C-alpha atoms as a PDB file:
ATOM      1  CA  MET A   1       0.201   0.186  -0.090  1.00  0.00           C
ATOM      2  CA  LEU A   2       1.397   3.510  -0.999  1.00  0.00           C
ATOM      3  CA  GLY A   3       4.611   1.778  -1.703  1.00  0.00           C
ATOM      4  CA  ARG A   4       5.464   1.696   2.236  1.00  0.00           C
ATOM      5  CA  TYR A   5       2.963  -0.464   3.974  1.00  0.00           C
ATOM      6  CA  SER A   6       1.989  -3.943   3.837  1.00  0.00           C
ATOM      7  CA  VAL A   7      -1.229  -4.943   5.056  1.00  0.00           C
ATOM      8  CA  VAL A   8      -1.583  -8.048   7.197  1.00  0.00           C
ATOM      9  CA  ARG A   9      -5.278  -8.644   8.251  1.00  0.00           C
ATOM     10  CA  PRO A  10      -8.288  -7.242   9.453  1.00  0.00           C
ATOM     11  CA  ILE A  11      -8.296  -6.531  13.182  1.00  0.00           C
ATOM     12  CA  ALA A  12     -11.693  -4.638  13.581  1.00  0.00           C
ATOM     13  CA  HIS A  13     -15.186  -3.899  11.817  1.00  0.00           C
ATOM     14  CA  GLY A  14     -17.496  -1.398  12.479  1.00  0.00           C
ATOM     15  CA  ALA A  15     -20.816  -0.040  11.169  1.00  0.00           C
ATOM     16  CA  ALA A  16     -18.873   2.120   8.344  1.00  0.00           C
ATOM     17  CA  ALA A  17     -15.465   0.938   8.150  1.00  0.00           C
ATOM     18  CA  THR A  18     -12.968  -2.099   8.332  1.00  0.00           C
ATOM     19  CA  VAL A  19      -9.660  -1.676  10.215  1.00  0.00           C
ATOM     20  CA  TYR A  20      -6.775  -3.440   9.152  1.00  0.00           C
ATOM     21  CA  LEU A  21      -3.298  -4.264  10.704  1.00  0.00           C
ATOM     22  CA  ALA A  22      -0.418  -2.649   8.499  1.00  0.00           C
ATOM     23  CA  PHE A  23       3.566  -2.897   8.833  1.00  0.00           C
ATOM     24  CA  ASP A  24       6.038  -0.152   7.336  1.00  0.00           C
ATOM     25  CA  ASP A  25       9.300  -1.362   5.841  1.00  0.00           C
ATOM     26  CA  ALA A  26      10.777  -0.804   9.093  1.00  0.00           C
ATOM     27  CA  GLY A  27       8.436  -3.180  10.995  1.00  0.00           C
ATOM     28  CA  SER A  28       6.445  -0.589  12.835  1.00  0.00           C
ATOM     29  CA  PRO A  29       2.796  -1.582  13.051  1.00  0.00           C
ATOM     30  CA  PHE A  30      -0.195   0.948  12.118  1.00  0.00           C
ATOM     31  CA  ALA A  31      -3.954   0.701  11.541  1.00  0.00           C
ATOM     32  CA  VAL A  32      -5.660   1.512   8.311  1.00  0.00           C
ATOM     33  CA  LYS A  33      -9.251   2.115   8.443  1.00  0.00           C
ATOM     34  CA  VAL A  34     -11.092   1.701   5.107  1.00  0.00           C
ATOM     35  CA  PHE A  35     -14.438   3.056   4.433  1.00  0.00           C
ATOM     36  CA  PRO A  36     -16.667   1.928   1.725  1.00  0.00           C
ATOM     37  CA  ARG A  37     -16.962   3.835  -1.437  1.00  0.00           C
ATOM     38  CA  GLY A  38     -18.931   7.068  -1.353  1.00  0.00           C
ATOM     39  CA  PHE A  39     -17.756   7.493   2.460  1.00  0.00           C
ATOM     40  CA  ALA A  40     -15.002   9.996   1.532  1.00  0.00           C
ATOM     41  CA  ALA A  41     -16.583  12.857   3.465  1.00  0.00           C
ATOM     42  CA  ARG A  42     -16.414  10.615   6.755  1.00  0.00           C
ATOM     43  CA  ALA A  43     -12.797   9.690   6.146  1.00  0.00           C
ATOM     44  CA  ASP A  44     -11.898  13.241   5.458  1.00  0.00           C
ATOM     45  CA  ARG A  45     -13.538  14.294   8.900  1.00  0.00           C
ATOM     46  CA  GLU A  46     -11.887  11.595  10.573  1.00  0.00           C
ATOM     47  CA  TRP A  47      -8.513  13.104   8.930  1.00  0.00           C
ATOM     48  CA  ARG A  48      -9.393  16.872   9.874  1.00  0.00           C
ATOM     49  CA  VAL A  49     -10.125  16.186  13.534  1.00  0.00           C
ATOM     50  CA  GLY A  50      -7.568  13.354  14.153  1.00  0.00           C
ATOM     51  CA  ARG A  51      -4.399  15.063  12.852  1.00  0.00           C
ATOM     52  CA  ALA A  52      -5.101  17.884  15.172  1.00  0.00           C
ATOM     53  CA  LEU A  53      -4.844  15.728  17.986  1.00  0.00           C
ATOM     54  CA  ARG A  54      -1.784  15.391  20.335  1.00  0.00           C
ATOM     55  CA  HIS A  55      -2.214  13.922  23.472  1.00  0.00           C
ATOM     56  CA  GLN A  56      -1.269  10.641  25.515  1.00  0.00           C
ATOM     57  CA  HIS A  57      -4.910   9.387  25.778  1.00  0.00           C
ATOM     58  CA  VAL A  58      -6.089   9.928  21.862  1.00  0.00           C
ATOM     59  CA  ASN A  59      -5.033   8.210  19.178  1.00  0.00           C
ATOM     60  CA  PRO A  60      -3.729  10.777  16.219  1.00  0.00           C
ATOM     61  CA  VAL A  61      -4.780  10.163  12.322  1.00  0.00           C
ATOM     62  CA  LEU A  62      -1.535  10.297  10.394  1.00  0.00           C
ATOM     63  CA  GLU A  63      -2.516  10.188   6.704  1.00  0.00           C
ATOM     64  CA  ARG A  64      -5.421  10.203   4.349  1.00  0.00           C
ATOM     65  CA  PHE A  65      -5.479   8.503   1.015  1.00  0.00           C
ATOM     66  CA  ASP A  66      -7.424   6.316  -1.124  1.00  0.00           C
ATOM     67  CA  ILE A  67      -6.995   2.391  -1.887  1.00  0.00           C
ATOM     68  CA  ASP A  68      -8.491   2.073  -5.421  1.00  0.00           C
ATOM     69  CA  GLU A  69     -11.746   3.811  -4.839  1.00  0.00           C
ATOM     70  CA  TYR A  70     -12.120   3.334  -1.293  1.00  0.00           C
ATOM     71  CA  PRO A  71     -11.555   6.138   1.271  1.00  0.00           C
ATOM     72  CA  ALA A  72      -8.812   5.248   3.987  1.00  0.00           C
ATOM     73  CA  VAL A  73      -6.950   6.937   6.981  1.00  0.00           C
ATOM     74  CA  LEU A  74      -3.835   5.510   8.572  1.00  0.00           C
ATOM     75  CA  THR A  75      -3.514   5.575  12.326  1.00  0.00           C
ATOM     76  CA  ALA A  76      -1.380   4.857  14.980  1.00  0.00           C
ATOM     77  CA  PHE A  77      -1.922   1.211  15.976  1.00  0.00           C
ATOM     78  CA  VAL A  78      -3.118   0.910  19.413  1.00  0.00           C
ATOM     79  CA  PRO A  79      -2.720  -2.621  21.211  1.00  0.00           C
ATOM     80  CA  GLY A  80      -4.714  -3.603  23.497  1.00  0.00           C
ATOM     81  CA  SER A  81      -8.785  -4.335  24.052  1.00  0.00           C
ATOM     82  CA  ARG A  82     -11.730  -2.507  23.622  1.00  0.00           C
ATOM     83  CA  LEU A  83     -13.124  -1.274  26.955  1.00  0.00           C
ATOM     84  CA  SER A  84     -16.300  -3.031  25.671  1.00  0.00           C
ATOM     85  CA  ASP A  85     -14.621  -6.425  25.237  1.00  0.00           C
ATOM     86  CA  MET A  86     -13.084  -6.330  28.788  1.00  0.00           C
ATOM     87  CA  PRO A  87     -14.813  -8.231  31.637  1.00  0.00           C
ATOM     88  CA  ARG A  88     -16.192  -6.181  34.365  1.00  0.00           C
ATOM     89  CA  LEU A  89     -13.665  -4.421  36.052  1.00  0.00           C
ATOM     90  CA  GLU A  90     -13.129  -3.475  39.850  1.00  0.00           C
ATOM     91  CA  GLN A  91     -14.158  -0.133  40.564  1.00  0.00           C
ATOM     92  CA  SER A  92     -10.916   1.812  41.099  1.00  0.00           C
ATOM     93  CA  ARG A  93      -9.447   0.199  38.115  1.00  0.00           C
ATOM     94  CA  PHE A  94     -12.384   1.115  35.819  1.00  0.00           C
ATOM     95  CA  LEU A  95     -12.364   4.780  37.417  1.00  0.00           C
ATOM     96  CA  HIS A  96      -8.581   5.066  36.477  1.00  0.00           C
ATOM     97  CA  ILE A  97      -9.850   4.165  32.851  1.00  0.00           C
ATOM     98  CA  PHE A  98     -12.683   6.517  33.090  1.00  0.00           C
ATOM     99  CA  SER A  99     -10.589   9.411  34.133  1.00  0.00           C
ATOM    100  CA  GLN A 100      -8.406   8.818  31.053  1.00  0.00           C
ATOM    101  CA  LEU A 101     -11.367   9.020  29.008  1.00  0.00           C
ATOM    102  CA  LEU A 102     -12.236  12.608  30.452  1.00  0.00           C
ATOM    103  CA  GLN A 103      -8.357  13.562  29.879  1.00  0.00           C
ATOM    104  CA  ALA A 104      -9.054  12.688  26.037  1.00  0.00           C
ATOM    105  CA  LEU A 105     -12.272  14.484  25.837  1.00  0.00           C
ATOM    106  CA  ALA A 106     -10.953  17.472  27.719  1.00  0.00           C
ATOM    107  CA  HIS A 107      -8.034  17.792  24.995  1.00  0.00           C
ATOM    108  CA  LEU A 108     -10.936  17.532  22.301  1.00  0.00           C
ATOM    109  CA  HIS A 109     -12.854  20.118  24.114  1.00  0.00           C
ATOM    110  CA  ASP A 110     -10.125  22.299  24.524  1.00  0.00           C
ATOM    111  CA  LEU A 111      -9.249  22.386  20.574  1.00  0.00           C
ATOM    112  CA  GLY A 112     -12.921  23.149  20.084  1.00  0.00           C
ATOM    113  CA  PHE A 113     -14.169  19.511  19.054  1.00  0.00           C
ATOM    114  CA  VAL A 114     -16.775  17.151  20.134  1.00  0.00           C
ATOM    115  CA  HIS A 115     -16.260  13.500  19.963  1.00  0.00           C
ATOM    116  CA  ARG A 116     -20.068  12.608  18.941  1.00  0.00           C
ATOM    117  CA  ASP A 117     -19.643   9.058  19.358  1.00  0.00           C
ATOM    118  CA  VAL A 118     -18.288   8.229  23.084  1.00  0.00           C
ATOM    119  CA  LYS A 119     -18.894   4.557  23.617  1.00  0.00           C
ATOM    120  CA  PRO A 120     -16.714   1.654  25.351  1.00  0.00           C
ATOM    121  CA  GLU A 121     -16.104   0.389  21.731  1.00  0.00           C
ATOM    122  CA  ASN A 122     -14.085   3.722  21.000  1.00  0.00           C
ATOM    123  CA  LEU A 123     -11.680   3.167  23.726  1.00  0.00           C
ATOM    124  CA  ILE A 124      -8.796   0.925  23.526  1.00  0.00           C
ATOM    125  CA  VAL A 125      -7.182  -0.148  26.643  1.00  0.00           C
ATOM    126  CA  ASP A 126      -3.568  -1.899  26.861  1.00  0.00           C
ATOM    127  CA  ARG A 127      -2.166  -4.370  29.375  1.00  0.00           C
ATOM    128  CA  ASP A 128      -0.845  -1.358  31.665  1.00  0.00           C
ATOM    129  CA  ASP A 129      -4.532   0.067  31.676  1.00  0.00           C
ATOM    130  CA  HIS A 130      -3.138   3.013  29.444  1.00  0.00           C
ATOM    131  CA  ALA A 131      -6.199   3.815  27.388  1.00  0.00           C
ATOM    132  CA  ARG A 132      -6.562   5.981  24.130  1.00  0.00           C
ATOM    133  CA  LEU A 133      -9.846   7.213  22.506  1.00  0.00           C
ATOM    134  CA  ILE A 134     -10.521   6.236  18.831  1.00  0.00           C
ATOM    135  CA  ASP A 135     -12.613   7.119  15.603  1.00  0.00           C
ATOM    136  CA  TYR A 136     -13.225  10.513  14.972  1.00  0.00           C
ATOM    137  CA  ASP A 137     -15.172  10.067  11.499  1.00  0.00           C
ATOM    138  CA  LEU A 138     -18.443  11.547  13.546  1.00  0.00           C
ATOM    139  CA  SER A 139     -16.474  14.329  15.317  1.00  0.00           C
ATOM    140  CA  GLY A 140     -16.311  17.931  14.613  1.00  0.00           C
ATOM    141  CA  PRO A 141     -16.402  21.495  15.694  1.00  0.00           C
ATOM    142  CA  GLN A 142     -18.380  22.517  18.743  1.00  0.00           C
ATOM    143  CA  ASP A 143     -20.070  25.353  16.833  1.00  0.00           C
ATOM    144  CA  GLU A 144     -20.705  23.171  13.268  1.00  0.00           C
ATOM    145  CA  PRO A 145     -24.351  22.802  12.375  1.00  0.00           C
ATOM    146  CA  VAL A 146     -25.043  19.126  12.362  1.00  0.00           C
ATOM    147  CA  GLY A 147     -27.433  18.940   9.829  1.00  0.00           C
ATOM    148  CA  ARG A 148     -28.366  15.232   8.625  1.00  0.00           C
ATOM    149  CA  LEU A 149     -25.156  13.970  10.398  1.00  0.00           C
ATOM    150  CA  ARG A 150     -25.783  10.649  12.367  1.00  0.00           C
ATOM    151  CA  LEU A 151     -24.633  11.494  15.885  1.00  0.00           C
ATOM    152  CA  GLY A 152     -23.611   8.859  18.352  1.00  0.00           C
ATOM    153  CA  THR A 153     -25.004   5.628  19.303  1.00  0.00           C
ATOM    154  CA  ILE A 154     -28.472   5.203  20.488  1.00  0.00           C
ATOM    155  CA  ALA A 155     -27.342   3.533  23.902  1.00  0.00           C
ATOM    156  CA  TYR A 156     -25.285   6.853  24.746  1.00  0.00           C
ATOM    157  CA  ILE A 157     -26.718   9.409  22.853  1.00  0.00           C
ATOM    158  CA  ALA A 158     -27.747  12.712  24.864  1.00  0.00           C
ATOM    159  CA  PRO A 159     -31.439  13.799  24.896  1.00  0.00           C
ATOM    160  CA  GLU A 160     -30.660  16.854  23.078  1.00  0.00           C
ATOM    161  CA  LEU A 161     -29.653  14.848  20.166  1.00  0.00           C
ATOM    162  CA  VAL A 162     -32.623  12.827  20.269  1.00  0.00           C
ATOM    163  CA  ARG A 163     -34.474  16.042  19.830  1.00  0.00           C
ATOM    164  CA  GLY A 164     -32.344  16.947  17.013  1.00  0.00           C
ATOM    165  CA  GLU A 165     -30.607  19.808  18.799  1.00  0.00           C
ATOM    166  CA  GLY A 166     -27.304  20.873  18.640  1.00  0.00           C
ATOM    167  CA  VAL A 167     -24.212  18.967  19.882  1.00  0.00           C
ATOM    168  CA  SER A 168     -21.958  20.340  22.427  1.00  0.00           C
ATOM    169  CA  PRO A 169     -19.367  18.986  25.067  1.00  0.00           C
ATOM    170  CA  ALA A 170     -21.944  18.452  27.434  1.00  0.00           C
ATOM    171  CA  SER A 171     -23.348  15.983  24.932  1.00  0.00           C
ATOM    172  CA  ASP A 172     -20.047  13.937  24.852  1.00  0.00           C
ATOM    173  CA  LEU A 173     -20.052  14.095  28.779  1.00  0.00           C
ATOM    174  CA  TYR A 174     -23.744  12.406  28.843  1.00  0.00           C
ATOM    175  CA  ALA A 175     -22.393   9.492  26.671  1.00  0.00           C
ATOM    176  CA  ALA A 176     -19.216   9.490  29.304  1.00  0.00           C
ATOM    177  CA  GLY A 177     -21.897   9.326  32.158  1.00  0.00           C
ATOM    178  CA  ILE A 178     -23.679   6.272  30.542  1.00  0.00           C
ATOM    179  CA  ILE A 179     -20.433   4.729  30.449  1.00  0.00           C
ATOM    180  CA  LEU A 180     -19.808   5.340  33.930  1.00  0.00           C
ATOM    181  CA  TYR A 181     -22.973   3.484  34.873  1.00  0.00           C
ATOM    182  CA  TRP A 182     -22.561   0.754  32.845  1.00  0.00           C
ATOM    183  CA  GLY A 183     -18.784   0.403  34.213  1.00  0.00           C
ATOM    184  CA  LEU A 184     -20.151   0.433  37.915  1.00  0.00           C
ATOM    185  CA  THR A 185     -23.208  -1.789  37.278  1.00  0.00           C
ATOM    186  CA  GLY A 186     -22.146  -4.055  34.577  1.00  0.00           C
ATOM    187  CA  GLU A 187     -25.478  -3.098  32.761  1.00  0.00           C
ATOM    188  CA  LEU A 188     -26.554  -0.265  30.440  1.00  0.00           C
ATOM    189  CA  PRO A 189     -29.125   2.067  32.122  1.00  0.00           C
ATOM    190  CA  PHE A 190     -31.803   2.022  29.274  1.00  0.00           C
ATOM    191  CA  VAL A 191     -32.298  -1.228  27.163  1.00  0.00           C
ATOM    192  CA  GLY A 192     -34.958  -2.214  24.565  1.00  0.00           C
ATOM    193  CA  ASP A 193     -35.961  -1.301  21.011  1.00  0.00           C
ATOM    194  CA  PRO A 194     -34.301   1.897  19.707  1.00  0.00           C
ATOM    195  CA  ARG A 195     -37.602   3.828  19.987  1.00  0.00           C
ATOM    196  CA  ALA A 196     -37.934   2.927  23.655  1.00  0.00           C
ATOM    197  CA  VAL A 197     -34.161   3.663  24.636  1.00  0.00           C
ATOM    198  CA  MET A 198     -34.600   7.087  23.065  1.00  0.00           C
ATOM    199  CA  LYS A 199     -37.735   7.637  25.122  1.00  0.00           C
ATOM    200  CA  SER A 200     -35.825   6.888  28.337  1.00  0.00           C
ATOM    201  CA  HIS A 201     -32.575   9.138  27.304  1.00  0.00           C
ATOM    202  CA  LEU A 202     -35.381  11.775  27.061  1.00  0.00           C
ATOM    203  CA  HIS A 203     -37.654  11.234  30.055  1.00  0.00           C
ATOM    204  CA  ASP A 204     -36.283   8.589  32.485  1.00  0.00           C
ATOM    205  CA  PRO A 205     -33.859   8.942  35.323  1.00  0.00           C
ATOM    206  CA  LEU A 206     -31.220   6.345  35.804  1.00  0.00           C
ATOM    207  CA  PRO A 207     -31.915   3.219  37.928  1.00  0.00           C
ATOM    208  CA  ALA A 208     -30.583   3.453  41.090  1.00  0.00           C
ATOM    209  CA  LEU A 209     -26.652   2.420  41.710  1.00  0.00           C
ATOM    210  CA  GLU A 210     -28.004  -0.011  44.791  1.00  0.00           C
ATOM    211  CA  GLY A 211     -25.225  -2.632  45.422  1.00  0.00           C
ATOM    212  CA  ALA A 212     -22.534  -0.819  42.811  1.00  0.00           C
ATOM    213  CA  GLY A 213     -20.787   0.638  46.149  1.00  0.00           C
ATOM    214  CA  ALA A 214     -20.382   3.940  44.521  1.00  0.00           C
ATOM    215  CA  GLY A 215     -20.769   6.088  47.317  1.00  0.00           C
ATOM    216  CA  ARG A 216     -22.918   9.238  47.531  1.00  0.00           C
ATOM    217  CA  GLU A 217     -20.181  11.697  45.825  1.00  0.00           C
ATOM    218  CA  LEU A 218     -19.694   9.413  43.070  1.00  0.00           C
ATOM    219  CA  ASP A 219     -23.481   8.964  42.749  1.00  0.00           C
ATOM    220  CA  GLU A 220     -24.004  12.756  42.411  1.00  0.00           C
ATOM    221  CA  PHE A 221     -21.223  13.233  39.960  1.00  0.00           C
ATOM    222  CA  LEU A 222     -22.909  10.431  37.839  1.00  0.00           C
ATOM    223  CA  ASN A 223     -26.296  12.122  38.026  1.00  0.00           C
ATOM    224  CA  ARG A 224     -24.643  15.428  36.841  1.00  0.00           C
ATOM    225  CA  LEU A 225     -23.101  13.567  33.947  1.00  0.00           C
ATOM    226  CA  VAL A 226     -26.257  12.565  32.727  1.00  0.00           C
ATOM    227  CA  ALA A 227     -28.778  15.406  33.657  1.00  0.00           C
ATOM    228  CA  LYS A 228     -31.387  15.644  31.282  1.00  0.00           C
ATOM    229  CA  ASP A 229     -30.927  19.422  30.484  1.00  0.00           C
ATOM    230  CA  PRO A 230     -27.242  19.969  29.063  1.00  0.00           C
ATOM    231  CA  ALA A 231     -27.129  23.168  31.184  1.00  0.00           C
ATOM    232  CA  GLY A 232     -27.304  20.908  34.299  1.00  0.00           C
ATOM    233  CA  ARG A 233     -23.988  18.874  33.125  1.00  0.00           C
ATOM    234  CA  PHE A 234     -20.534  19.816  33.178  1.00  0.00           C
ATOM    235  CA  GLN A 235     -19.747  21.932  30.110  1.00  0.00           C
ATOM    236  CA  HIS A 236     -16.314  20.759  29.455  1.00  0.00           C
ATOM    237  CA  ALA A 237     -14.773  17.392  30.118  1.00  0.00           C
ATOM    238  CA  GLY A 238     -11.947  19.231  32.205  1.00  0.00           C
ATOM    239  CA  ALA A 239     -14.370  20.508  34.619  1.00  0.00           C
ATOM    240  CA  ALA A 240     -16.113  16.864  35.144  1.00  0.00           C
ATOM    241  CA  LEU A 241     -12.135  15.200  35.590  1.00  0.00           C
ATOM    242  CA  GLU A 242     -11.507  18.176  38.274  1.00  0.00           C
ATOM    243  CA  ALA A 243     -14.793  17.104  40.229  1.00  0.00           C
ATOM    244  CA  LEU A 244     -14.138  13.430  39.421  1.00  0.00           C
ATOM    245  CA  ARG A 245     -10.396  13.657  41.103  1.00  0.00           C
ATOM    246  CA  ARG A 246     -12.240  15.524  44.287  1.00  0.00           C
ATOM    247  CA  ILE A 247     -14.082  12.480  45.139  1.00  0.00           C
ATOM    248  CA  PRO A 248     -12.586  10.486  47.865  1.00  0.00           C
ATOM    249  CA  GLY A 249     -11.246   6.779  46.074  1.00  0.00           C
ATOM    250  CA  ALA A 250     -11.349   8.122  42.599  1.00  0.00           C
ATOM    251  CA  ASP A 251      -8.323   8.218  40.413  1.00  0.00           C
ATOM    252  CA  LYS A 252      -6.285  10.968  40.814  1.00  0.00           C
ATOM    253  CA  SER A 253      -4.041  10.732  37.679  1.00  0.00           C
END
């Protein structure tokens, strides 16, 4: 590929792309994300956002090119497992990983971007519990009119996006709150057919954290993340991270 990379095998399949493991002539690993024909705009979006990111907990996009008529991007290779594929973690370990997600989102928010598809599948965790946020083909500027662009995954989608309103850093943090609930309980708060889940995002409170051992302060933090009104949430992931670090027993990294 491009005279510089040898593509070895597919390593992940998403709703709109397939990711392949590749090596350069020096033997260094990379990931190649290949979109279907007609998805050039999604590849361009991933390139525009991903090339601007420089943080230990985000995975940068290194190059944009086409393979025949298939749009593609080259990214750093992240060894490890998707958070969604890991067994349920002990609370302190999960909070350590969750704090890294907030650090990654804070970097995006600092640069004026929103991720728009925050979910466990988009966080890769290596053997040392170092996490990296991936997938920016739905990401974009905070003030961008979203129009008909698909935003997020139904299990994690913020109420304002269900209503067709604007996306903001607070929308990313709602999704992060759903991840936090899932990590503490081992279950998603809202399940069922898509219409029922979206209705629950709009109107239903989270089920109680009974038996999760979260404690009052962590419970209050979670409920602020998932406030139905985006004005009631943290407005930047950096503010959420500071609040998390003030909770006794939470990760301080």
